[in-house]
Amino acid sequence: MTLPTIGQPAPDFTVDSTQGAITLSALRGKAVVLYFYPKDSTPGCTTESQDFRDLHAEFLAQDCIVLGISRDSLRSHQNFTEKQSLPFALLADTDETVCTLYGVIKMKNMYGKQVRGIERSTFLIDANGVLRQEWRGVKVPEHAATVLQAVQSLGN
């Protein structure tokens, strides 16, 4: 399996979300920020989602859609969305199809044990569906602001 390549079309997918089924290719005409995170309602994931929430109006002003995605269930996503007042869709990749397409499943150490999990990663896709930037192994502080700067530099 080849990983997404900057300058090439982003891998397409259709997946259920808190706002109905979403197909990436149907979003053409707008930039898309697709951020993968490990788990709903955990400290780092909550902070990251709040940061994207707090900057959401600025992403919209750039004609950019923000989408969060993890392996959590739609029910878990709905609870997380309500609790954190998230204005964007959370995608439920329960079978890891999209995670696999984007190569974000990694072996991680958790409490001294090796576990398969999502490596916190973000992908910026332009209005033509082309991958423009990716961040892997993301550290949460200032990440959403960094992504917003990259979106602004696209000049949509």
Protein backbone atom coordinates (compact mmCIF):
# COMPACT_ATOMS: atom_id res chain seq x y z
CA MET A 1 0.00 0.00 0.00
CA THR A 2 1.39 3.37 -1.00
CA LEU A 3 1.03 6.30 1.35
CA PRO A 4 -0.52 9.58 0.25
CA THR A 5 1.99 11.78 -1.57
CA ILE A 6 2.16 15.56 -1.42
CA GLY A 7 1.23 16.98 -4.81
CA GLN A 8 -0.92 13.95 -5.69
CA PRO A 9 -4.68 13.44 -5.28
CA ALA A 10 -5.61 12.57 -1.69
CA PRO A 11 -7.05 9.06 -1.25
CA ASP A 12 -10.83 9.22 -1.57
CA PHE A 13 -13.21 7.64 0.94
CA THR A 14 -16.78 7.61 2.17
CA VAL A 15 -17.41 7.21 5.89
CA ASP A 16 -20.18 7.89 8.40
CA SER A 17 -19.85 10.99 10.52
CA THR A 18 -21.71 13.03 13.10
CA GLN A 19 -23.11 15.03 10.16
CA GLY A 20 -24.05 12.08 7.89
CA ALA A 21 -21.97 10.14 5.37
CA ILE A 22 -19.02 12.13 4.02
CA THR A 23 -17.22 11.46 0.74
CA LEU A 24 -13.95 13.34 0.40
CA SER A 25 -14.24 13.84 -3.37
CA ALA A 26 -17.70 15.42 -2.88
CA LEU A 27 -16.01 18.26 -0.96
CA ARG A 28 -14.04 19.48 -4.00
CA GLY A 29 -14.15 23.24 -4.32
CA LYS A 30 -13.17 23.66 -0.68
CA ALA A 31 -9.92 22.91 1.11
CA VAL A 32 -10.13 20.12 3.69
CA VAL A 33 -8.21 19.63 6.92
CA LEU A 34 -8.41 15.96 7.88
CA TYR A 35 -7.02 15.36 11.36
CA PHE A 36 -6.60 11.85 12.74
CA TYR A 37 -6.60 11.50 16.51
CA PRO A 38 -6.36 8.46 18.80
CA LYS A 39 -9.47 8.57 21.01
CA ASP A 40 -12.48 10.69 21.95
CA SER A 41 -12.50 12.35 25.38
CA THR A 42 -8.82 11.80 26.17
CA PRO A 43 -6.71 14.79 27.27
CA GLY A 44 -4.63 15.40 24.11
CA CYS A 45 -7.48 14.64 21.72
CA THR A 46 -9.85 16.90 23.64
CA THR A 47 -7.36 19.78 23.57
CA GLU A 48 -6.67 19.28 19.85
CA SER A 49 -10.38 19.23 19.03
CA GLN A 50 -11.01 22.33 21.16
CA ASP A 51 -8.21 24.14 19.33
CA PHE A 52 -9.73 23.32 15.93
CA ARG A 53 -13.14 24.33 17.34
CA ASP A 54 -11.82 27.66 18.58
CA LEU A 55 -10.31 28.46 15.16
CA HIS A 56 -13.22 27.02 13.16
CA ALA A 57 -14.58 30.38 12.00
CA GLU A 58 -11.12 31.27 10.65
CA PHE A 59 -10.94 27.96 8.73
CA LEU A 60 -14.42 28.65 7.30
CA ALA A 61 -13.29 32.14 6.27
CA GLN A 62 -10.63 30.41 4.15
CA ASP A 63 -13.30 28.20 2.53
CA CYS A 64 -11.87 25.22 4.41
CA ILE A 65 -13.70 22.28 5.99
CA VAL A 66 -12.28 20.71 9.16
CA LEU A 67 -12.89 16.98 9.71
CA GLY A 68 -11.75 14.97 12.73
CA ILE A 69 -11.40 11.20 12.41
CA SER A 70 -10.69 8.30 14.74
CA ARG A 71 -11.66 4.66 15.22
CA ASP A 72 -14.31 5.58 17.79
CA SER A 73 -17.98 4.76 17.18
CA LEU A 74 -20.49 7.28 15.90
CA ARG A 75 -22.15 7.24 19.33
CA SER A 76 -18.84 8.09 21.03
CA HIS A 77 -18.26 10.87 18.47
CA GLN A 78 -21.75 12.29 19.07
CA ASN A 79 -21.16 12.42 22.82
CA PHE A 80 -17.74 14.02 22.32
CA THR A 81 -19.18 16.56 19.84
CA GLU A 82 -21.95 17.56 22.26
CA LYS A 83 -19.68 17.77 25.28
CA GLN A 84 -17.08 19.91 23.45
CA SER A 85 -19.53 21.88 21.22
CA LEU A 86 -17.62 20.85 18.10
CA PRO A 87 -19.01 22.60 14.99
CA PHE A 88 -17.36 20.22 12.49
CA ALA A 89 -17.96 16.56 11.64
CA LEU A 90 -16.19 13.70 13.38
CA LEU A 91 -15.75 10.66 11.15
CA ALA A 92 -16.15 7.15 12.56
CA ASP A 93 -13.50 4.96 10.92
CA THR A 94 -14.37 1.92 13.04
CA ASP A 95 -12.92 -0.56 10.53
CA GLU A 96 -9.71 1.48 10.03
CA THR A 97 -10.26 1.81 6.25
CA VAL A 98 -9.38 5.51 6.10
CA CYS A 99 -6.64 5.12 8.73
CA THR A 100 -5.06 2.48 6.50
CA LEU A 101 -5.41 4.62 3.35
CA TYR A 102 -3.52 7.43 5.07
CA GLY A 103 -1.01 5.18 6.86
CA VAL A 104 -1.69 6.45 10.38
CA ILE A 105 -1.94 3.12 12.27
CA LYS A 106 1.29 2.55 14.19
CA MET A 107 2.60 0.42 17.02
CA LYS A 108 2.69 2.59 20.14
CA ASN A 109 3.80 2.09 23.73
CA MET A 110 0.99 2.40 26.24
CA TYR A 111 1.76 1.69 29.87
CA GLY A 112 4.74 -0.42 28.80
CA LYS A 113 2.80 -2.51 26.28
CA GLN A 114 2.90 -2.39 22.49
CA VAL A 115 -0.54 -1.52 21.07
CA ARG A 116 -1.81 -0.63 17.61
CA GLY A 117 -3.13 2.90 17.53
CA ILE A 118 -3.54 6.05 15.51
CA GLU A 119 -0.48 8.26 15.17
CA ARG A 120 -1.83 11.79 15.57
CA SER A 121 -1.63 13.14 12.00
CA THR A 122 -3.17 15.94 9.93
CA PHE A 123 -3.55 16.24 6.17
CA LEU A 124 -4.26 19.43 4.22
CA ILE A 125 -6.09 18.82 0.95
CA ASP A 126 -6.65 21.68 -1.48
CA ALA A 127 -9.88 22.57 -3.29
CA ASN A 128 -8.88 20.31 -6.21
CA GLY A 129 -8.49 17.27 -3.95
CA VAL A 130 -4.67 17.35 -4.00
CA LEU A 131 -2.68 16.66 -0.83
CA ARG A 132 -0.72 19.84 -0.08
CA GLN A 133 0.74 19.20 3.34
CA GLU A 134 0.90 16.54 6.04
CA TRP A 135 1.91 16.51 9.66
CA ARG A 136 2.67 13.16 11.30
CA GLY A 137 3.49 12.50 14.94
CA VAL A 138 1.71 15.75 15.81
CA LYS A 139 2.26 17.49 19.13
CA VAL A 140 -0.98 19.24 20.11
CA PRO A 141 0.18 22.68 21.37
CA GLU A 142 -0.16 25.28 18.58
CA HIS A 143 -0.91 22.59 15.96
CA ALA A 144 -4.33 23.93 14.90
CA ALA A 145 -2.84 27.42 14.47
CA THR A 146 0.01 25.98 12.37
CA VAL A 147 -2.52 24.19 10.15
CA LEU A 148 -4.56 27.39 9.81
CA GLN A 149 -1.43 29.24 8.61
CA ALA A 150 -0.88 26.53 5.99
CA VAL A 151 -4.51 26.84 4.85
CA GLN A 152 -4.11 30.61 4.59
CA SER A 153 -0.99 30.14 2.45
CA LEU A 154 -3.02 28.10 -0.09
CA GLY A 155 -4.80 31.31 -1.04
CA ASN A 156 -8.17 29.65 -1.76
